[in-house]
N, C-alpha and C. Protein backbone atom coordinates (compact mmCIF):
# COMPACT_ATOMS: atom_id res chain seq x y z
N MET A 1 -31.93 -98.82 -150.72
CA MET A 1 -32.10 -97.43 -150.35
C MET A 1 -30.91 -97.01 -149.51
N LYS A 2 -30.44 -95.77 -149.71
CA LYS A 2 -29.25 -95.34 -149.00
C LYS A 2 -29.51 -94.96 -147.56
N TYR A 3 -30.76 -94.74 -147.17
CA TYR A 3 -31.11 -94.40 -145.80
C TYR A 3 -31.53 -95.67 -145.07
N ASP A 4 -30.95 -95.88 -143.90
CA ASP A 4 -31.34 -97.07 -143.14
C ASP A 4 -31.55 -96.67 -141.69
N HIS A 5 -32.76 -96.28 -141.38
CA HIS A 5 -33.10 -95.83 -140.04
C HIS A 5 -34.25 -96.66 -139.49
N HIS A 6 -34.26 -97.94 -139.80
CA HIS A 6 -35.38 -98.79 -139.42
C HIS A 6 -35.18 -99.34 -138.01
N LYS A 7 -35.85 -98.71 -137.05
CA LYS A 7 -35.74 -99.13 -135.65
C LYS A 7 -36.53 -100.40 -135.40
N GLN A 8 -37.50 -100.70 -136.24
CA GLN A 8 -38.38 -101.85 -136.03
C GLN A 8 -37.97 -103.08 -136.83
N ARG A 9 -36.79 -103.07 -137.43
CA ARG A 9 -36.37 -104.17 -138.30
C ARG A 9 -36.45 -105.53 -137.59
N LYS A 10 -35.91 -105.62 -136.37
CA LYS A 10 -35.94 -106.90 -135.64
C LYS A 10 -37.38 -107.31 -135.34
N ASN A 11 -38.22 -106.35 -134.96
CA ASN A 11 -39.63 -106.61 -134.69
C ASN A 11 -40.31 -107.15 -135.94
N VAL A 12 -40.03 -106.55 -137.08
CA VAL A 12 -40.63 -106.99 -138.35
C VAL A 12 -40.19 -108.42 -138.67
N VAL A 13 -38.90 -108.69 -138.53
CA VAL A 13 -38.39 -110.04 -138.82
C VAL A 13 -39.05 -111.06 -137.89
N ASN A 14 -39.20 -110.72 -136.62
CA ASN A 14 -39.86 -111.63 -135.68
C ASN A 14 -41.32 -111.87 -136.05
N ARG A 15 -42.02 -110.80 -136.42
CA ARG A 15 -43.42 -110.94 -136.84
C ARG A 15 -43.54 -111.84 -138.06
N LEU A 16 -42.65 -111.62 -139.03
CA LEU A 16 -42.70 -112.43 -140.25
C LEU A 16 -42.38 -113.90 -139.96
N ALA A 17 -41.50 -114.15 -139.02
CA ALA A 17 -41.20 -115.54 -138.64
C ALA A 17 -42.43 -116.20 -138.02
N LYS A 18 -43.16 -115.46 -137.19
CA LYS A 18 -44.39 -116.00 -136.60
C LYS A 18 -45.43 -116.27 -137.68
N ILE A 19 -45.56 -115.34 -138.62
CA ILE A 19 -46.51 -115.51 -139.72
C ILE A 19 -46.13 -116.74 -140.55
N GLU A 20 -44.85 -116.89 -140.81
CA GLU A 20 -44.36 -118.04 -141.57
C GLU A 20 -44.74 -119.35 -140.87
N GLY A 21 -44.56 -119.40 -139.57
CA GLY A 21 -44.94 -120.60 -138.82
C GLY A 21 -46.43 -120.84 -138.85
N HIS A 22 -47.20 -119.76 -138.77
CA HIS A 22 -48.66 -119.86 -138.81
C HIS A 22 -49.11 -120.41 -140.17
N VAL A 23 -48.52 -119.90 -141.24
CA VAL A 23 -48.87 -120.38 -142.58
C VAL A 23 -48.53 -121.87 -142.71
N ARG A 24 -47.39 -122.25 -142.19
CA ARG A 24 -46.99 -123.66 -142.25
C ARG A 24 -48.00 -124.54 -141.51
N SER A 25 -48.46 -124.08 -140.35
CA SER A 25 -49.41 -124.90 -139.59
C SER A 25 -50.77 -124.96 -140.28
N VAL A 26 -51.18 -123.89 -140.94
CA VAL A 26 -52.44 -123.92 -141.68
C VAL A 26 -52.32 -124.85 -142.88
N LYS A 27 -51.17 -124.87 -143.50
CA LYS A 27 -50.93 -125.80 -144.61
C LYS A 27 -51.07 -127.24 -144.12
N GLU A 28 -50.52 -127.51 -142.95
CA GLU A 28 -50.65 -128.85 -142.36
C GLU A 28 -52.10 -129.16 -142.02
N MET A 29 -52.83 -128.17 -141.54
CA MET A 29 -54.26 -128.35 -141.25
C MET A 29 -55.01 -128.74 -142.52
N ALA A 30 -54.71 -128.05 -143.62
CA ALA A 30 -55.37 -128.34 -144.89
C ALA A 30 -55.02 -129.74 -145.37
N ALA A 31 -53.75 -130.10 -145.25
CA ALA A 31 -53.30 -131.42 -145.71
C ALA A 31 -53.94 -132.54 -144.90
N SER A 32 -54.24 -132.27 -143.64
CA SER A 32 -54.82 -133.32 -142.80
C SER A 32 -56.34 -133.34 -142.84
N GLY A 33 -56.92 -132.47 -143.69
CA GLY A 33 -58.36 -132.50 -143.89
C GLY A 33 -59.18 -131.77 -142.84
N ARG A 34 -58.60 -130.78 -142.21
CA ARG A 34 -59.35 -130.01 -141.21
C ARG A 34 -60.52 -129.28 -141.84
N ASP A 35 -61.46 -128.92 -141.02
CA ASP A 35 -62.68 -128.24 -141.44
C ASP A 35 -62.36 -126.94 -142.18
N CYS A 36 -63.10 -126.70 -143.25
CA CYS A 36 -62.90 -125.49 -144.07
C CYS A 36 -63.08 -124.21 -143.25
N GLY A 37 -64.05 -124.22 -142.36
CA GLY A 37 -64.28 -123.05 -141.52
C GLY A 37 -63.06 -122.73 -140.65
N ASP A 38 -62.44 -123.77 -140.10
CA ASP A 38 -61.23 -123.58 -139.30
C ASP A 38 -60.11 -122.97 -140.14
N LEU A 39 -59.98 -123.48 -141.36
CA LEU A 39 -58.95 -122.95 -142.26
C LEU A 39 -59.19 -121.47 -142.57
N MET A 40 -60.44 -121.13 -142.85
CA MET A 40 -60.76 -119.74 -143.18
C MET A 40 -60.47 -118.81 -142.00
N ILE A 41 -60.78 -119.26 -140.79
CA ILE A 41 -60.49 -118.45 -139.59
C ILE A 41 -58.99 -118.22 -139.45
N GLN A 42 -58.21 -119.27 -139.69
CA GLN A 42 -56.75 -119.14 -139.57
C GLN A 42 -56.17 -118.26 -140.67
N ILE A 43 -56.73 -118.36 -141.87
CA ILE A 43 -56.27 -117.50 -142.97
C ILE A 43 -56.58 -116.04 -142.66
N ALA A 44 -57.75 -115.78 -142.07
CA ALA A 44 -58.09 -114.41 -141.67
C ALA A 44 -57.10 -113.90 -140.63
N ALA A 45 -56.68 -114.75 -139.71
CA ALA A 45 -55.71 -114.36 -138.70
C ALA A 45 -54.36 -114.04 -139.34
N ILE A 46 -53.97 -114.82 -140.33
CA ILE A 46 -52.71 -114.57 -141.05
C ILE A 46 -52.79 -113.25 -141.80
N ARG A 47 -53.92 -113.01 -142.47
CA ARG A 47 -54.10 -111.76 -143.20
C ARG A 47 -53.98 -110.56 -142.24
N SER A 48 -54.60 -110.67 -141.09
CA SER A 48 -54.54 -109.60 -140.09
C SER A 48 -53.11 -109.38 -139.61
N ALA A 49 -52.39 -110.47 -139.38
CA ALA A 49 -51.00 -110.36 -138.94
C ALA A 49 -50.13 -109.71 -140.02
N LEU A 50 -50.36 -110.04 -141.29
CA LEU A 50 -49.62 -109.41 -142.38
C LEU A 50 -49.93 -107.92 -142.47
N ASN A 51 -51.20 -107.57 -142.32
CA ASN A 51 -51.57 -106.14 -142.34
C ASN A 51 -50.91 -105.39 -141.20
N SER A 52 -50.87 -105.98 -140.01
CA SER A 52 -50.22 -105.33 -138.87
C SER A 52 -48.73 -105.16 -139.12
N CYS A 53 -48.12 -106.17 -139.71
CA CYS A 53 -46.70 -106.09 -140.03
C CYS A 53 -46.45 -105.00 -141.07
N GLY A 54 -47.30 -104.92 -142.07
CA GLY A 54 -47.18 -103.86 -143.07
C GLY A 54 -47.29 -102.49 -142.45
N LYS A 55 -48.18 -102.34 -141.47
CA LYS A 55 -48.35 -101.06 -140.79
C LYS A 55 -47.08 -100.68 -140.02
N VAL A 56 -46.46 -101.65 -139.37
CA VAL A 56 -45.22 -101.39 -138.64
C VAL A 56 -44.13 -100.96 -139.61
N ILE A 57 -44.03 -101.64 -140.74
CA ILE A 57 -43.02 -101.30 -141.75
C ILE A 57 -43.26 -99.88 -142.28
N LEU A 58 -44.50 -99.56 -142.59
CA LEU A 58 -44.82 -98.23 -143.11
C LEU A 58 -44.49 -97.14 -142.10
N LYS A 59 -44.91 -97.31 -140.86
CA LYS A 59 -44.61 -96.31 -139.83
C LYS A 59 -43.11 -96.15 -139.63
N ASP A 60 -42.39 -97.27 -139.59
CA ASP A 60 -40.94 -97.23 -139.41
C ASP A 60 -40.28 -96.50 -140.57
N HIS A 61 -40.76 -96.76 -141.77
CA HIS A 61 -40.20 -96.11 -142.96
C HIS A 61 -40.49 -94.61 -142.92
N LEU A 62 -41.70 -94.24 -142.57
CA LEU A 62 -42.05 -92.82 -142.50
C LEU A 62 -41.22 -92.10 -141.44
N GLU A 63 -41.12 -92.68 -140.26
CA GLU A 63 -40.42 -92.03 -139.15
C GLU A 63 -38.91 -91.98 -139.34
N GLY A 64 -38.38 -92.89 -140.14
CA GLY A 64 -36.94 -92.94 -140.34
C GLY A 64 -36.52 -92.44 -141.69
N CYS A 65 -36.65 -93.29 -142.68
CA CYS A 65 -36.14 -93.00 -144.01
C CYS A 65 -36.77 -91.77 -144.66
N VAL A 66 -38.08 -91.67 -144.62
CA VAL A 66 -38.76 -90.57 -145.30
C VAL A 66 -38.40 -89.24 -144.65
N VAL A 67 -38.45 -89.18 -143.34
CA VAL A 67 -38.12 -87.93 -142.64
C VAL A 67 -36.70 -87.50 -142.98
N GLU A 68 -35.77 -88.44 -142.90
CA GLU A 68 -34.36 -88.13 -143.18
C GLU A 68 -34.17 -87.70 -144.64
N ALA A 69 -34.80 -88.39 -145.57
CA ALA A 69 -34.66 -88.06 -146.99
C ALA A 69 -35.22 -86.67 -147.28
N VAL A 70 -36.37 -86.34 -146.72
CA VAL A 70 -36.96 -85.03 -146.94
C VAL A 70 -36.07 -83.94 -146.37
N LYS A 71 -35.50 -84.18 -145.19
CA LYS A 71 -34.57 -83.21 -144.58
C LYS A 71 -33.39 -82.94 -145.50
N GLU A 72 -32.96 -83.98 -146.21
CA GLU A 72 -31.82 -83.84 -147.11
C GLU A 72 -32.23 -83.41 -148.52
N GLY A 73 -33.52 -83.14 -148.71
CA GLY A 73 -33.99 -82.64 -150.00
C GLY A 73 -34.22 -83.71 -151.05
N ASP A 74 -34.29 -84.97 -150.65
CA ASP A 74 -34.50 -86.07 -151.59
C ASP A 74 -36.00 -86.33 -151.72
N ASP A 75 -36.60 -85.79 -152.76
CA ASP A 75 -38.04 -85.95 -152.97
C ASP A 75 -38.40 -87.27 -153.64
N THR A 76 -37.42 -88.00 -154.15
CA THR A 76 -37.73 -89.27 -154.81
C THR A 76 -38.28 -90.29 -153.82
N VAL A 77 -37.95 -90.12 -152.54
CA VAL A 77 -38.44 -91.06 -151.54
C VAL A 77 -39.96 -91.01 -151.45
N ILE A 78 -40.55 -89.84 -151.66
CA ILE A 78 -42.01 -89.69 -151.62
C ILE A 78 -42.62 -90.42 -152.82
N GLU A 79 -42.01 -90.27 -153.99
CA GLU A 79 -42.51 -90.97 -155.18
C GLU A 79 -42.47 -92.48 -154.98
N LYS A 80 -41.36 -92.98 -154.45
CA LYS A 80 -41.22 -94.42 -154.23
C LYS A 80 -42.21 -94.91 -153.18
N LEU A 81 -42.44 -94.10 -152.14
CA LEU A 81 -43.40 -94.48 -151.11
C LEU A 81 -44.80 -94.54 -151.70
N ASN A 82 -45.15 -93.56 -152.53
CA ASN A 82 -46.47 -93.58 -153.17
C ASN A 82 -46.66 -94.81 -154.05
N GLU A 83 -45.62 -95.19 -154.78
CA GLU A 83 -45.69 -96.40 -155.61
C GLU A 83 -45.91 -97.63 -154.74
N ALA A 84 -45.17 -97.71 -153.65
CA ALA A 84 -45.30 -98.87 -152.75
C ALA A 84 -46.70 -98.92 -152.13
N ILE A 85 -47.22 -97.79 -151.73
CA ILE A 85 -48.57 -97.74 -151.14
C ILE A 85 -49.60 -98.17 -152.16
N ASP A 86 -49.47 -97.70 -153.41
CA ASP A 86 -50.40 -98.09 -154.46
C ASP A 86 -50.40 -99.60 -154.68
N LYS A 87 -49.23 -100.22 -154.58
CA LYS A 87 -49.15 -101.67 -154.77
C LYS A 87 -49.66 -102.42 -153.54
N TYR A 88 -49.45 -101.85 -152.35
CA TYR A 88 -49.86 -102.50 -151.11
C TYR A 88 -51.36 -102.43 -150.91
N ILE A 89 -51.94 -101.29 -151.21
CA ILE A 89 -53.38 -101.09 -151.02
C ILE A 89 -54.05 -101.12 -152.38
N ARG A 90 -54.73 -102.19 -152.66
CA ARG A 90 -55.40 -102.34 -153.95
C ARG A 90 -56.87 -102.48 -153.74
């Protein structure tokens, strides 16, 4: 995309790194035979963290790229955002 106004990029990368570490530790829990209930709780925590990260990305995109594109008369950004939302929320 030609617009790059993502103020939360570093925050998003940090969140994803934490999620990556969490997934790795849950994988190790599964490999070591930990209780299924414990695994499910950790997977729910990962899902929640991913949803929170997605929300940060969406807000950042709306406040930066979308606002700027609309100001410049680029309506394709709305179409692309709608496509992304449709894929994200199923």
